């Protein structure tokens, strides 16, 4: 018997998603990839396109950054960064599909100036074959948008995926992530997912 799996995923209306961003019309042209953060975050190499080669910054730039006051980043800002990522299977965002949820984002202090951002994603179905790709997309988005003082940890929420432990092992392994980011076909999928980020 052939049945459609997850024919009706839960879809949230974009206006019902929690956000600090002002509601803008879809006709407004996208002026900067950082959206809300464009004017508040100084330009630096950590905000560049993760798919381009990094340009080394001078030592004087890093000394000047140390003198600046550090603005705190909270769970809501993390959610705003990742909720607009497109799902690779559906023409909707991860926030609209409830793959990423505000209560599943946790900030934990590591050391004096370091913090870990833990994002638990909830696949739309328990055997989602693209859970690793979605997790990788969330990780890439956060690593490109957050300052270097943040460590990103993306996991499958416990009990929401049949192979969640294996997916978490892949997402947590830096060498596997680096190898995945060298795959041209996967990079094409990730670029497509991140095109809708505000």
N, C-alpha and C. Protein backbone atom coordinates (compact mmCIF):
# COMPACT_ATOMS: atom_id res chain seq x y z
N UNK A 1 0.84 -1.18 0.00
CA UNK A 1 0.00 0.00 0.00
C UNK A 1 0.88 1.24 0.00
N UNK A 2 0.65 2.10 -0.94
CA UNK A 2 1.44 3.32 -1.06
C UNK A 2 0.67 4.49 -0.44
N UNK A 3 1.21 5.02 0.64
CA UNK A 3 0.56 6.18 1.26
C UNK A 3 1.54 7.34 1.31
N UNK A 4 1.00 8.53 1.24
CA UNK A 4 1.83 9.73 1.29
C UNK A 4 2.20 9.99 2.74
N UNK A 5 3.49 10.08 2.99
CA UNK A 5 3.96 10.35 4.33
C UNK A 5 4.04 11.85 4.55
N UNK A 6 3.47 12.29 5.64
CA UNK A 6 3.49 13.69 6.00
C UNK A 6 2.89 14.57 4.91
N UNK A 7 1.75 14.16 4.41
CA UNK A 7 1.09 14.93 3.36
C UNK A 7 0.63 16.28 3.89
N UNK A 8 0.38 16.37 5.19
CA UNK A 8 -0.10 17.62 5.79
C UNK A 8 0.76 18.01 6.98
N UNK A 9 1.96 18.54 6.75
CA UNK A 9 2.77 18.98 7.88
C UNK A 9 2.11 20.18 8.56
N UNK A 10 2.37 20.34 9.84
CA UNK A 10 1.86 21.50 10.56
C UNK A 10 2.49 22.75 9.97
N UNK A 11 1.65 23.69 9.57
CA UNK A 11 2.14 24.93 8.97
C UNK A 11 1.63 26.11 9.79
N UNK A 12 2.55 26.93 10.26
CA UNK A 12 2.19 28.13 11.00
C UNK A 12 2.13 29.32 10.05
N UNK A 13 1.23 30.21 10.32
CA UNK A 13 1.14 31.45 9.57
C UNK A 13 2.34 32.31 9.95
N UNK A 14 3.00 32.92 8.99
CA UNK A 14 4.19 33.73 9.26
C UNK A 14 3.90 34.85 10.24
N UNK A 15 2.70 35.39 10.25
CA UNK A 15 2.37 36.47 11.18
C UNK A 15 2.21 35.97 12.61
N UNK A 16 2.10 34.66 12.81
CA UNK A 16 1.98 34.10 14.15
C UNK A 16 3.31 33.70 14.77
N UNK A 17 4.39 33.78 14.01
CA UNK A 17 5.70 33.39 14.51
C UNK A 17 6.26 34.47 15.44
N UNK A 18 6.91 34.07 16.55
CA UNK A 18 7.48 35.08 17.45
C UNK A 18 8.67 35.77 16.79
N UNK A 19 8.71 37.10 16.87
CA UNK A 19 9.81 37.85 16.27
C UNK A 19 9.90 39.24 16.88
N UNK A 20 11.09 39.80 16.83
CA UNK A 20 11.27 41.20 17.21
C UNK A 20 11.32 42.08 15.98
N UNK A 21 11.45 41.46 14.83
CA UNK A 21 11.53 42.21 13.58
C UNK A 21 10.21 42.87 13.29
N UNK A 22 10.29 44.04 12.68
CA UNK A 22 9.08 44.72 12.26
C UNK A 22 8.48 43.98 11.08
N UNK A 23 7.18 43.94 11.01
CA UNK A 23 6.51 43.27 9.89
C UNK A 23 6.66 44.16 8.66
N UNK A 24 7.23 43.60 7.60
CA UNK A 24 7.40 44.35 6.37
C UNK A 24 6.65 43.64 5.26
N UNK A 25 6.31 44.38 4.24
CA UNK A 25 5.62 43.77 3.11
C UNK A 25 6.62 42.97 2.29
N UNK A 26 6.13 41.97 1.59
CA UNK A 26 7.01 41.12 0.79
C UNK A 26 7.52 41.86 -0.45
N UNK A 27 6.91 43.01 -0.78
CA UNK A 27 7.34 43.77 -1.94
C UNK A 27 8.59 44.60 -1.65
N UNK A 28 8.96 44.72 -0.37
CA UNK A 28 10.13 45.50 -0.01
C UNK A 28 11.38 44.77 -0.48
N UNK A 29 12.25 45.43 -1.23
CA UNK A 29 13.46 44.75 -1.71
C UNK A 29 14.42 44.46 -0.57
N UNK A 30 15.11 43.36 -0.70
CA UNK A 30 16.10 42.96 0.30
C UNK A 30 17.36 43.78 0.06
N UNK A 31 17.73 44.61 1.06
CA UNK A 31 18.85 45.50 0.87
C UNK A 31 20.15 44.95 1.44
N UNK A 32 20.07 44.08 2.43
CA UNK A 32 21.27 43.57 3.07
C UNK A 32 20.98 42.19 3.63
N UNK A 33 21.90 41.27 3.56
CA UNK A 33 21.68 39.91 4.01
C UNK A 33 21.51 39.80 5.51
N UNK A 34 21.90 40.81 6.28
CA UNK A 34 21.78 40.75 7.72
C UNK A 34 20.48 41.33 8.23
N UNK A 35 19.67 41.95 7.38
CA UNK A 35 18.38 42.48 7.78
C UNK A 35 18.48 43.41 8.97
N UNK A 36 17.82 43.04 10.05
CA UNK A 36 17.74 43.83 11.27
C UNK A 36 19.11 44.17 11.83
N UNK A 37 20.07 43.29 11.65
CA UNK A 37 21.38 43.47 12.27
C UNK A 37 22.35 44.27 11.41
N UNK A 38 21.95 44.68 10.21
CA UNK A 38 22.86 45.34 9.28
C UNK A 38 23.52 46.58 9.87
N UNK A 39 22.76 47.38 10.59
CA UNK A 39 23.34 48.62 11.11
C UNK A 39 23.95 48.46 12.49
N UNK A 40 23.62 47.39 13.21
CA UNK A 40 24.10 47.25 14.58
C UNK A 40 25.36 46.42 14.73
N UNK A 41 25.72 45.64 13.72
CA UNK A 41 26.90 44.79 13.82
C UNK A 41 27.97 45.33 12.88
N UNK A 42 29.17 45.60 13.41
CA UNK A 42 30.23 46.10 12.53
C UNK A 42 30.63 45.03 11.52
N UNK A 43 31.02 45.48 10.33
CA UNK A 43 31.41 44.50 9.31
C UNK A 43 32.71 43.83 9.74
N UNK A 44 32.76 42.54 9.52
CA UNK A 44 33.92 41.76 9.91
C UNK A 44 33.96 40.51 9.07
N UNK A 45 35.05 39.79 9.09
CA UNK A 45 35.17 38.60 8.26
C UNK A 45 34.21 37.50 8.70
N UNK A 46 33.77 37.48 9.97
CA UNK A 46 32.89 36.42 10.40
C UNK A 46 31.48 36.58 9.84
N UNK A 47 31.15 37.75 9.26
CA UNK A 47 29.84 37.96 8.67
C UNK A 47 29.83 37.73 7.16
N UNK A 48 30.96 37.35 6.61
CA UNK A 48 31.04 37.16 5.16
C UNK A 48 30.34 35.88 4.75
N UNK A 49 30.15 35.73 3.46
CA UNK A 49 29.53 34.54 2.91
C UNK A 49 30.38 33.33 3.27
N UNK A 50 29.81 32.31 3.95
CA UNK A 50 30.60 31.16 4.37
C UNK A 50 31.09 30.32 3.20
N UNK A 51 30.58 30.57 2.00
CA UNK A 51 30.95 29.79 0.84
C UNK A 51 32.10 30.42 0.07
N UNK A 52 32.48 31.65 0.45
CA UNK A 52 33.60 32.31 -0.20
C UNK A 52 34.84 32.15 0.68
N UNK A 53 36.00 32.29 0.07
CA UNK A 53 37.23 32.17 0.85
C UNK A 53 37.36 33.37 1.77
N UNK A 54 37.84 33.13 2.98
CA UNK A 54 37.96 34.19 3.97
C UNK A 54 39.13 35.10 3.63
N UNK A 55 38.94 36.39 3.88
CA UNK A 55 39.99 37.37 3.69
C UNK A 55 40.55 37.68 5.07
N UNK A 56 41.84 37.47 5.30
CA UNK A 56 42.39 37.70 6.63
C UNK A 56 42.27 39.17 7.02
N UNK A 57 41.91 39.39 8.29
CA UNK A 57 41.79 40.77 8.77
C UNK A 57 43.09 41.18 9.45
N UNK A 58 43.32 42.47 9.51
CA UNK A 58 44.56 42.96 10.12
C UNK A 58 44.46 42.90 11.63
N UNK A 59 45.57 42.87 12.29
CA UNK A 59 45.59 42.79 13.74
C UNK A 59 45.01 44.06 14.36
N UNK A 60 45.15 45.19 13.72
CA UNK A 60 44.62 46.43 14.27
C UNK A 60 43.09 46.41 14.32
N UNK A 61 42.45 45.72 13.36
CA UNK A 61 40.99 45.60 13.38
C UNK A 61 40.53 44.81 14.60
N UNK A 62 41.22 43.71 14.94
CA UNK A 62 40.82 42.91 16.08
C UNK A 62 41.06 43.64 17.39
N UNK A 63 42.10 44.48 17.46
CA UNK A 63 42.34 45.27 18.66
C UNK A 63 41.23 46.29 18.86
N UNK A 64 40.76 46.91 17.77
CA UNK A 64 39.69 47.89 17.86
C UNK A 64 38.38 47.24 18.29
N UNK A 65 38.13 46.01 17.82
CA UNK A 65 36.91 45.30 18.20
C UNK A 65 36.89 44.97 19.69
N UNK A 66 38.05 44.69 20.28
CA UNK A 66 38.13 44.37 21.70
C UNK A 66 37.70 45.54 22.56
N UNK A 67 37.89 46.75 22.08
CA UNK A 67 37.54 47.93 22.84
C UNK A 67 36.04 48.22 22.81
N UNK A 68 35.34 47.69 21.83
CA UNK A 68 33.91 47.95 21.70
C UNK A 68 33.13 47.16 22.73
N UNK A 69 31.99 47.70 23.11
CA UNK A 69 31.11 47.03 24.05
C UNK A 69 30.40 45.87 23.35
N UNK A 70 30.27 44.73 24.02
CA UNK A 70 29.64 43.56 23.44
C UNK A 70 28.14 43.62 23.71
N UNK A 71 27.36 43.56 22.65
CA UNK A 71 25.91 43.58 22.79
C UNK A 71 25.41 42.16 23.00
N UNK A 72 24.58 41.93 24.01
CA UNK A 72 24.09 40.56 24.25
C UNK A 72 23.14 40.10 23.14
N UNK A 73 23.21 38.81 22.86
CA UNK A 73 22.33 38.18 21.88
C UNK A 73 21.52 37.13 22.63
N UNK A 74 20.21 37.12 22.43
CA UNK A 74 19.37 36.18 23.17
C UNK A 74 18.69 35.19 22.23
N UNK A 75 17.87 34.31 22.82
CA UNK A 75 17.22 33.24 22.07
C UNK A 75 16.32 33.78 20.96
N UNK A 76 15.64 34.90 21.22
CA UNK A 76 14.75 35.47 20.21
C UNK A 76 15.53 35.91 18.96
N UNK A 77 16.70 36.50 19.17
CA UNK A 77 17.51 36.91 18.01
C UNK A 77 18.01 35.70 17.23
N UNK A 78 18.36 34.64 17.93
CA UNK A 78 18.76 33.39 17.25
C UNK A 78 17.59 32.86 16.43
N UNK A 79 16.41 32.85 17.03
CA UNK A 79 15.23 32.38 16.31
C UNK A 79 14.97 33.21 15.06
N UNK A 80 15.10 34.54 15.19
CA UNK A 80 14.90 35.41 14.04
C UNK A 80 15.90 35.11 12.92
N UNK A 81 17.10 34.70 13.27
CA UNK A 81 18.12 34.37 12.27
C UNK A 81 17.79 33.09 11.51
N UNK A 82 17.24 32.09 12.19
CA UNK A 82 17.07 30.77 11.57
C UNK A 82 15.65 30.45 11.13
N UNK A 83 14.66 31.17 11.61
CA UNK A 83 13.27 30.82 11.29
C UNK A 83 12.93 31.05 9.82
N UNK A 84 13.69 31.89 9.12
CA UNK A 84 13.38 32.17 7.72
C UNK A 84 14.13 31.28 6.73
N UNK A 85 14.92 30.34 7.23
CA UNK A 85 15.60 29.38 6.35
C UNK A 85 14.53 28.53 5.65
N UNK A 86 14.70 28.33 4.35
CA UNK A 86 13.74 27.52 3.59
C UNK A 86 13.94 26.04 3.87
N UNK A 87 12.85 25.32 3.90
CA UNK A 87 12.91 23.86 4.02
C UNK A 87 13.30 23.30 2.66
N UNK A 88 14.21 22.31 2.60
CA UNK A 88 14.64 21.79 1.29
C UNK A 88 13.55 21.02 0.54
N UNK A 89 12.51 20.54 1.24
CA UNK A 89 11.45 19.77 0.58
C UNK A 89 10.19 20.59 0.33
N UNK A 90 9.85 21.45 1.28
CA UNK A 90 8.61 22.22 1.20
C UNK A 90 8.93 23.67 0.84
N UNK A 91 8.02 24.37 0.19
CA UNK A 91 8.27 25.78 -0.15
C UNK A 91 7.94 26.72 1.01
N UNK A 92 8.32 26.31 2.21
CA UNK A 92 8.02 27.08 3.42
C UNK A 92 9.28 27.22 4.26
N UNK A 93 9.23 28.12 5.24
CA UNK A 93 10.38 28.33 6.12
C UNK A 93 10.38 27.30 7.26
N UNK A 94 11.54 27.14 7.89
CA UNK A 94 11.64 26.22 9.03
C UNK A 94 10.78 26.68 10.19
N UNK A 95 10.60 28.00 10.35
CA UNK A 95 9.73 28.52 11.40
C UNK A 95 8.28 28.20 11.11
N UNK A 96 7.85 28.33 9.86
CA UNK A 96 6.46 28.04 9.49
C UNK A 96 6.12 26.56 9.65
N UNK A 97 7.10 25.71 9.45
CA UNK A 97 6.88 24.26 9.59
C UNK A 97 7.11 23.77 11.02
N UNK A 98 7.45 24.67 11.93
CA UNK A 98 7.73 24.34 13.32
C UNK A 98 8.92 23.38 13.46
N UNK A 99 9.85 23.46 12.51
CA UNK A 99 11.08 22.69 12.61
C UNK A 99 12.00 23.35 13.64
N UNK A 100 11.99 24.68 13.68
CA UNK A 100 12.69 25.42 14.73
C UNK A 100 11.64 26.16 15.55
N UNK A 101 11.80 26.10 16.85
CA UNK A 101 10.86 26.71 17.79
C UNK A 101 11.64 27.49 18.84
N UNK A 102 11.10 28.62 19.26
CA UNK A 102 11.76 29.47 20.25
C UNK A 102 12.08 28.73 21.56
N UNK A 103 11.17 27.90 22.10
CA UNK A 103 11.50 27.19 23.35
C UNK A 103 12.62 26.15 23.21
N UNK A 104 12.98 25.80 21.98
CA UNK A 104 14.03 24.80 21.74
C UNK A 104 15.39 25.42 21.46
N UNK A 105 15.54 26.71 21.76
CA UNK A 105 16.81 27.41 21.59
C UNK A 105 17.32 27.78 22.97
N UNK A 106 18.55 27.38 23.27
CA UNK A 106 19.10 27.59 24.61
C UNK A 106 20.49 28.24 24.50
N UNK A 107 20.74 29.20 25.37
CA UNK A 107 22.03 29.87 25.44
C UNK A 107 22.69 29.45 26.76
N UNK A 108 23.94 28.99 26.66
CA UNK A 108 24.67 28.54 27.85
C UNK A 108 26.05 29.19 27.87
N UNK A 109 26.42 29.80 29.00
CA UNK A 109 27.77 30.36 29.09
C UNK A 109 28.81 29.24 29.15
N UNK A 110 29.92 29.42 28.43
CA UNK A 110 31.00 28.43 28.43
C UNK A 110 32.15 28.89 29.30
N UNK A 111 32.70 30.01 28.95
CA UNK A 111 33.83 30.58 29.67
C UNK A 111 33.53 32.06 29.85
N UNK A 112 34.54 32.80 30.16
CA UNK A 112 34.36 34.22 30.44
C UNK A 112 33.60 34.94 29.34
N UNK A 113 34.03 34.83 28.11
CA UNK A 113 33.38 35.55 27.01
C UNK A 113 32.70 34.63 26.01
N UNK A 114 32.74 33.34 26.22
CA UNK A 114 32.18 32.39 25.25
C UNK A 114 30.80 31.91 25.67
N UNK A 115 29.96 31.66 24.67
CA UNK A 115 28.63 31.10 24.91
C UNK A 115 28.35 30.01 23.89
N UNK A 116 27.55 29.03 24.31
CA UNK A 116 27.09 28.00 23.39
C UNK A 116 25.64 28.28 23.06
N UNK A 117 25.31 28.19 21.78
CA UNK A 117 23.93 28.29 21.31
C UNK A 117 23.51 26.87 20.95
N UNK A 118 22.54 26.34 21.68
CA UNK A 118 22.01 25.01 21.40
C UNK A 118 20.66 25.17 20.72
N UNK A 119 20.54 24.63 19.51
CA UNK A 119 19.27 24.66 18.77
C UNK A 119 18.83 23.22 18.57
N UNK A 120 17.65 22.90 19.09
CA UNK A 120 17.08 21.57 18.89
C UNK A 120 16.03 21.69 17.79
N UNK A 121 16.24 20.95 16.70
CA UNK A 121 15.29 21.00 15.60
C UNK A 121 14.34 19.82 15.66
N UNK A 122 13.12 20.04 15.20
CA UNK A 122 12.07 19.02 15.20
C UNK A 122 11.69 18.73 13.76
N UNK A 123 12.16 17.61 13.19
CA UNK A 123 11.80 17.28 11.81
C UNK A 123 10.28 17.14 11.66
N UNK A 124 9.77 17.37 10.47
CA UNK A 124 8.32 17.29 10.24
C UNK A 124 7.81 15.86 10.33
N UNK A 125 8.69 14.89 10.07
CA UNK A 125 8.33 13.47 10.22
C UNK A 125 9.48 12.74 10.92
N UNK A 126 9.19 11.62 11.56
CA UNK A 126 10.20 10.92 12.34
C UNK A 126 11.29 10.25 11.52
N UNK A 127 11.08 10.08 10.24
CA UNK A 127 12.09 9.45 9.39
C UNK A 127 12.54 10.39 8.27
N UNK A 128 12.56 11.69 8.55
CA UNK A 128 12.95 12.70 7.56
C UNK A 128 14.36 12.43 7.06
N UNK A 129 14.49 12.25 5.76
CA UNK A 129 15.81 11.94 5.18
C UNK A 129 16.70 13.18 5.06
N UNK A 130 16.12 14.36 5.21
CA UNK A 130 16.90 15.59 5.08
C UNK A 130 17.17 16.27 6.43
N UNK A 131 16.99 15.56 7.52
CA UNK A 131 17.22 16.14 8.85
C UNK A 131 18.65 16.64 9.01
N UNK A 132 19.61 15.88 8.50
CA UNK A 132 21.01 16.30 8.60
C UNK A 132 21.26 17.55 7.77
N UNK A 133 20.67 17.64 6.59
CA UNK A 133 20.83 18.82 5.73
C UNK A 133 20.21 20.04 6.40
N UNK A 134 19.04 19.88 7.00
CA UNK A 134 18.39 20.99 7.70
C UNK A 134 19.26 21.44 8.87
N UNK A 135 19.76 20.49 9.65
CA UNK A 135 20.63 20.83 10.77
C UNK A 135 21.90 21.54 10.31
N UNK A 136 22.44 21.10 9.20
CA UNK A 136 23.64 21.73 8.64
C UNK A 136 23.32 23.15 8.17
N UNK A 137 22.16 23.35 7.58
CA UNK A 137 21.74 24.69 7.16
C UNK A 137 21.61 25.64 8.34
N UNK A 138 21.04 25.17 9.44
CA UNK A 138 20.91 25.99 10.65
C UNK A 138 22.29 26.32 11.20
N UNK A 139 23.16 25.32 11.23
CA UNK A 139 24.52 25.54 11.74
C UNK A 139 25.28 26.56 10.89
N UNK A 140 25.23 26.43 9.58
CA UNK A 140 25.93 27.36 8.68
C UNK A 140 25.38 28.77 8.86
N UNK A 141 24.06 28.90 8.93
CA UNK A 141 23.45 30.22 9.09
C UNK A 141 23.94 30.90 10.37
N UNK A 142 23.96 30.16 11.48
CA UNK A 142 24.38 30.75 12.75
C UNK A 142 25.88 31.05 12.76
N UNK A 143 26.67 30.16 12.19
CA UNK A 143 28.12 30.40 12.17
C UNK A 143 28.49 31.59 11.30
N UNK A 144 27.70 31.86 10.26
CA UNK A 144 28.01 33.02 9.41
C UNK A 144 27.49 34.31 10.03
N UNK A 145 26.48 34.26 10.85
CA UNK A 145 25.86 35.48 11.36
C UNK A 145 26.32 35.87 12.77
N UNK A 146 26.75 34.91 13.56
CA UNK A 146 27.12 35.21 14.95
C UNK A 146 28.60 35.54 15.07
N UNK A 147 28.95 36.37 16.05
CA UNK A 147 30.36 36.66 16.31
C UNK A 147 31.10 35.39 16.75
N UNK A 148 32.42 35.38 16.66
CA UNK A 148 33.21 34.19 17.00
C UNK A 148 33.10 33.76 18.46
N UNK A 149 32.55 34.58 19.32
CA UNK A 149 32.44 34.22 20.74
C UNK A 149 31.33 33.20 21.00
N UNK A 150 30.59 32.84 19.95
CA UNK A 150 29.51 31.86 20.09
C UNK A 150 29.92 30.52 19.50
N UNK A 151 29.62 29.45 20.21
CA UNK A 151 29.80 28.09 19.72
C UNK A 151 28.42 27.56 19.39
N UNK A 152 28.27 26.98 18.21
CA UNK A 152 26.95 26.54 17.74
C UNK A 152 26.84 25.03 17.89
N UNK A 153 25.73 24.60 18.48
CA UNK A 153 25.43 23.18 18.64
C UNK A 153 24.01 22.96 18.13
N UNK A 154 23.87 22.21 17.05
CA UNK A 154 22.55 21.92 16.48
C UNK A 154 22.29 20.44 16.66
N UNK A 155 21.12 20.12 17.19
CA UNK A 155 20.76 18.73 17.47
C UNK A 155 19.31 18.47 17.05
N UNK A 156 19.01 17.20 16.88
CA UNK A 156 17.63 16.76 16.68
C UNK A 156 17.01 16.64 18.06
N UNK A 157 15.83 17.18 18.25
CA UNK A 157 15.14 17.10 19.53
C UNK A 157 14.87 15.63 19.86
N UNK A 158 15.15 15.27 21.09
CA UNK A 158 15.03 13.87 21.51
C UNK A 158 13.62 13.33 21.27
N UNK A 159 13.58 12.16 20.64
CA UNK A 159 12.32 11.47 20.40
C UNK A 159 11.55 11.94 19.17
N UNK A 160 12.14 12.82 18.36
CA UNK A 160 11.41 13.34 17.19
C UNK A 160 11.91 12.75 15.87
N UNK A 161 12.95 11.91 15.91
CA UNK A 161 13.48 11.33 14.68
C UNK A 161 13.93 9.90 14.97
N UNK A 162 13.68 9.01 14.03
CA UNK A 162 14.01 7.59 14.23
C UNK A 162 15.52 7.34 14.34
N UNK A 163 16.33 8.16 13.68
CA UNK A 163 17.79 8.00 13.76
C UNK A 163 18.43 9.27 14.33
N UNK A 164 17.76 9.88 15.29
CA UNK A 164 18.22 11.14 15.87
C UNK A 164 19.62 11.08 16.44
N UNK A 165 19.97 9.97 17.06
CA UNK A 165 21.31 9.83 17.66
C UNK A 165 22.39 9.88 16.58
N UNK A 166 22.16 9.20 15.46
CA UNK A 166 23.13 9.20 14.36
C UNK A 166 23.23 10.59 13.71
N UNK A 167 22.09 11.26 13.54
CA UNK A 167 22.10 12.60 12.95
C UNK A 167 22.86 13.56 13.87
N UNK A 168 22.61 13.46 15.18
CA UNK A 168 23.31 14.32 16.14
C UNK A 168 24.82 14.08 16.11
N UNK A 169 25.22 12.82 15.93
CA UNK A 169 26.64 12.51 15.84
C UNK A 169 27.26 13.17 14.61
N UNK A 170 26.54 13.15 13.49
CA UNK A 170 27.04 13.78 12.26
C UNK A 170 27.12 15.30 12.42
N UNK A 171 26.08 15.90 13.00
CA UNK A 171 26.06 17.36 13.16
C UNK A 171 27.08 17.86 14.17
N UNK A 172 27.46 17.01 15.12
CA UNK A 172 28.41 17.41 16.15
C UNK A 172 29.86 17.14 15.79
N UNK A 173 30.10 16.42 14.72
CA UNK A 173 31.46 16.08 14.30
C UNK A 173 32.00 17.15 13.36
N UNK A 174 32.96 17.93 13.82
CA UNK A 174 33.51 19.04 13.03
C UNK A 174 34.11 18.57 11.71
N UNK A 175 34.76 17.43 11.72
CA UNK A 175 35.38 16.91 10.48
C UNK A 175 34.32 16.53 9.45
N UNK A 176 33.22 15.91 9.91
CA UNK A 176 32.15 15.55 8.98
C UNK A 176 31.47 16.79 8.42
N UNK A 177 31.28 17.79 9.28
CA UNK A 177 30.66 19.04 8.82
C UNK A 177 31.57 19.71 7.79
N UNK A 178 32.87 19.77 8.07
CA UNK A 178 33.81 20.38 7.13
C UNK A 178 33.82 19.63 5.80
N UNK A 179 33.79 18.30 5.85
CA UNK A 179 33.76 17.51 4.61
C UNK A 179 32.46 17.75 3.84
N UNK A 180 31.35 17.87 4.56
CA UNK A 180 30.07 18.12 3.91
C UNK A 180 30.07 19.47 3.21
N UNK A 181 30.72 20.45 3.81
CA UNK A 181 30.75 21.79 3.22
C UNK A 181 31.66 21.87 2.00
N UNK A 182 32.42 20.83 1.73
CA UNK A 182 33.24 20.78 0.52
C UNK A 182 32.51 20.11 -0.64
N UNK A 183 31.35 19.53 -0.37
CA UNK A 183 30.55 18.85 -1.38
C UNK A 183 29.76 19.90 -2.17
N UNK A 184 30.04 20.03 -3.47
CA UNK A 184 29.42 21.07 -4.31
C UNK A 184 27.90 20.93 -4.39
N UNK A 185 27.41 19.71 -4.49
CA UNK A 185 25.96 19.51 -4.60
C UNK A 185 25.26 19.91 -3.30
N UNK A 186 25.83 19.54 -2.17
CA UNK A 186 25.27 19.90 -0.88
C UNK A 186 25.32 21.42 -0.67
N UNK A 187 26.42 22.04 -1.11
CA UNK A 187 26.55 23.49 -0.98
C UNK A 187 25.47 24.20 -1.80
N UNK A 188 25.11 23.64 -2.93
CA UNK A 188 24.05 24.21 -3.76
C UNK A 188 22.72 24.17 -3.02
N UNK A 189 22.44 23.06 -2.36
CA UNK A 189 21.21 22.92 -1.58
C UNK A 189 21.20 23.92 -0.43
N UNK A 190 22.34 24.06 0.26
CA UNK A 190 22.42 24.99 1.39
C UNK A 190 22.25 26.43 0.94
N UNK A 191 22.85 26.79 -0.18
CA UNK A 191 22.68 28.16 -0.70
C UNK A 191 21.20 28.45 -0.98
N UNK A 192 20.53 27.48 -1.57
CA UNK A 192 19.10 27.63 -1.88
C UNK A 192 18.30 27.79 -0.59
N UNK A 193 18.62 27.02 0.43
CA UNK A 193 17.92 27.13 1.72
C UNK A 193 18.14 28.50 2.36
N UNK A 194 19.35 29.03 2.24
CA UNK A 194 19.70 30.28 2.93
C UNK A 194 19.33 31.53 2.12
N UNK A 195 18.86 31.38 0.90
CA UNK A 195 18.47 32.54 0.08
C UNK A 195 17.37 33.36 0.73
N UNK A 196 16.51 32.73 1.48
CA UNK A 196 15.36 33.42 2.06
C UNK A 196 15.66 34.05 3.42
N UNK A 197 16.87 33.90 3.90
CA UNK A 197 17.22 34.45 5.23
C UNK A 197 17.19 35.97 5.19
N UNK A 198 16.68 36.54 6.26
CA UNK A 198 16.57 38.00 6.35
C UNK A 198 17.62 38.54 7.29
